Amino acid sequence: MSFVEYGDTIKDGDTAIVFLGHESMFPVKVQHGTVTQTKYGVIRHSTDLIGKKYGSKVTCSKGGWVFILHPTPELWTMNLPHRTQILYSTDISVITMMLELKPGSIVCESGTGSGSLSHALIRTVAPTGHLYTVEFHQQRAEKAQEEFREHGVEHLVTVTNQDVCKNGFGVSNIADAVFLDIPSPWEAIGHAKSALKAEGGRICSFSPCIEQVQRTCLAMEEYGFTEINTLEILLRVYNVRTISLQIPDLGKAAEDNSSAGFDSTSPSNQGSPCPNLQQGTVQFKSGVPLREMVGHTGYLTFATKS
């Protein structure tokens, strides 16, 4: 099993996603002799999972059923164990596009955190690219290294435990892009410039506060970065609902009488009331925004090495 190469069947040692519904799913490590409890009953790994195809419908001991899905970076983002605050697919998709990443790209990242963005970056640069990710916290760095190994992507990533603001990324003049998600990104701009290739490399800094963005932009200008711009991504979800509205009376009866030669000035017609139309309702589909939405996550500041 690998997060960057699709596998057809579930094997011992794989990480799989148990899908109970769009709002209910969780990861499980498949192991011989192990069982997993769900609200629909027990899943026995040896008989219910190993050897079955990904996407299979598995019946639990209580008669309910679940789907077993092959993991992807998007599913992992929704289900990973949170060691830090993470980036979600809304921001990740824009970061990947604006950094102009593709298979074969070399990317430097700090910090690794829970590995949400890391998995997406690895999938994008595979099979010939590489991710150099730096994490200040030793336990988080070790856990990230363990997850990359379990997920079959360790050959595509190098995890380093050090302070990027003091020691940099450990590479020079090879990166196509640099991503910073640290409290003081302005202190790492010089190291980011050193890690980027000679010309045209892209940098992105994620910061939740506008004061951080201001200091980062000043540092980027000081180090000669160009095309500096800041974005904020807001996701607004719409629900599709069936709405019933009453058909309004627009005076169609009067128009019909007029076209038929009805003369309201005629003495014989004066005082005759116009017939009323029977009003009904019409149903149609409409998009209705949610009452609440996920608002501010952070500001994304992009720039290019001149």
Foldseek 3Di string as FASTA:
>chain_A
DAQQDDDFADAQLAWKKWAPDPLDIEIDGQHQPDWDQDPQAIDHRNPFGGGHTQQDWGAHPNGDITGIHHDYLQVCLVHFDFPDDDDHPLVLVVVCVQQPFAAAFEEEEPACGRPSSVRVNLNRNPDNYAYQHEYQDPVNLVVVCVVCVSNVRNVRYDYHHHDCLPVNRPAFQRGQEYEYEDAQCLSNVVSRLRRHHPFWRKYKYWFQDVVSVVSNVVSCVVQPWDPKDKDWGWDWDWDKDKDKDKDDCPPPQVVVCVVVPNDCPDPVNPPPDGDDDDIDIDIDIDIHIDPDGDGTDTMMIMTTHD
